[in-house]
Amino acid sequence: MSRSYATTSIPNTVVVPNYVGNEVVSGSGTSYTLANTPLINSQTIYAKGQFQTLSIDYTISGKVITFISGSWAAGDIIAYYLK
């Protein structure tokens, strides 16, 4: 049985199955919800272009990102992850 995977092409690299790139995350303030639940520790999060560090800048539970300090506006958060 063959499997079908959703893929995203990353410029100048290989095609990565189940990769979600450049997702503008929905939410506001300190709580945001991803479209999918990322594989554990596969996420990379940016707020206004600044890299955010897990457990220092934010926590994640399922699809929900909660920022520890700072409040952001809609469209400020970009996520990359494997689902």
Protein backbone atom coordinates (compact mmCIF):
# COMPACT_ATOMS: atom_id res chain seq x y z
CA MET A 1 0.00 0.00 0.00
CA SER A 2 1.45 3.37 -0.96
CA ARG A 3 1.04 6.47 1.15
CA SER A 4 0.23 9.93 -0.06
CA TYR A 5 1.88 12.84 1.74
CA ALA A 6 1.15 16.55 1.59
CA THR A 7 4.37 18.29 0.63
CA THR A 8 5.73 21.80 0.47
CA SER A 9 8.63 22.76 -1.73
CA ILE A 10 11.36 24.73 0.00
CA PRO A 11 13.39 26.91 -2.39
CA ASN A 12 16.87 25.55 -3.14
CA THR A 13 16.32 22.38 -1.07
CA VAL A 14 14.45 19.09 -1.24
CA VAL A 15 10.71 18.46 -0.92
CA VAL A 16 9.83 17.65 2.70
CA PRO A 17 6.70 15.57 3.42
CA ASN A 18 4.27 17.08 5.96
CA TYR A 19 6.21 20.36 6.21
CA VAL A 20 4.24 23.50 7.06
CA GLY A 21 6.20 26.60 6.18
CA ASN A 22 5.53 30.29 6.58
CA GLU A 23 2.18 29.81 8.35
CA VAL A 24 0.78 33.10 9.62
CA VAL A 25 -0.61 31.93 12.96
CA SER A 26 -4.08 33.02 14.06
CA GLY A 27 -4.65 34.68 17.41
CA SER A 28 -3.67 37.82 19.28
CA GLY A 29 -2.11 38.93 22.56
CA THR A 30 -0.29 36.00 24.13
CA SER A 31 -2.26 33.02 22.73
CA TYR A 32 -2.09 31.70 19.17
CA THR A 33 -3.42 28.56 17.48
CA LEU A 34 -1.61 26.68 14.71
CA ALA A 35 -3.57 25.09 11.86
CA ASN A 36 -2.09 21.67 12.75
CA THR A 37 -0.48 20.00 15.75
CA PRO A 38 3.29 19.98 15.11
CA LEU A 39 5.49 16.97 15.75
CA ILE A 40 7.18 17.43 19.11
CA ASN A 41 10.08 19.91 18.92
CA SER A 42 9.75 20.38 15.16
CA GLN A 43 8.47 23.96 15.36
CA THR A 44 10.35 27.15 14.68
CA ILE A 45 8.50 30.27 15.75
CA TYR A 46 9.14 33.92 14.83
CA ALA A 47 7.46 37.00 16.28
CA LYS A 48 7.91 40.10 14.13
CA GLY A 49 10.88 38.40 12.50
CA GLN A 50 12.62 37.57 15.78
CA PHE A 51 13.35 33.90 16.55
CA GLN A 52 11.49 32.70 19.66
CA THR A 53 12.95 30.08 22.02
CA LEU A 54 10.77 27.32 23.46
CA SER A 55 10.35 27.57 27.26
CA ILE A 56 11.99 31.01 27.32
CA ASP A 57 9.75 32.97 24.95
CA TYR A 58 6.79 30.61 24.53
CA THR A 59 5.21 27.30 25.49
CA ILE A 60 3.26 24.98 23.23
CA SER A 61 0.50 22.52 24.01
CA GLY A 62 -1.03 20.70 21.05
CA LYS A 63 -1.78 23.45 18.52
CA VAL A 64 -1.75 26.34 21.03
CA ILE A 65 1.27 28.62 21.44
CA THR A 66 1.32 30.80 24.55
CA PHE A 67 3.90 33.57 24.79
CA ILE A 68 5.54 33.96 28.20
CA SER A 69 6.36 37.63 27.81
CA GLY A 70 5.21 40.09 25.24
CA SER A 71 1.97 40.54 23.43
CA TRP A 72 1.69 40.33 19.67
CA ALA A 73 -0.82 41.49 17.07
CA ALA A 74 -2.53 39.32 14.46
CA GLY A 75 -0.06 38.58 11.66
CA ASP A 76 3.04 39.04 13.85
CA ILE A 77 3.62 35.29 14.39
CA ILE A 78 5.08 33.01 11.70
CA ALA A 79 5.53 29.26 12.25
CA TYR A 80 7.43 26.47 10.50
CA TYR A 81 6.91 22.86 11.60
CA LEU A 82 6.36 19.22 10.67
CA LYS A 83 2.89 17.82 11.14
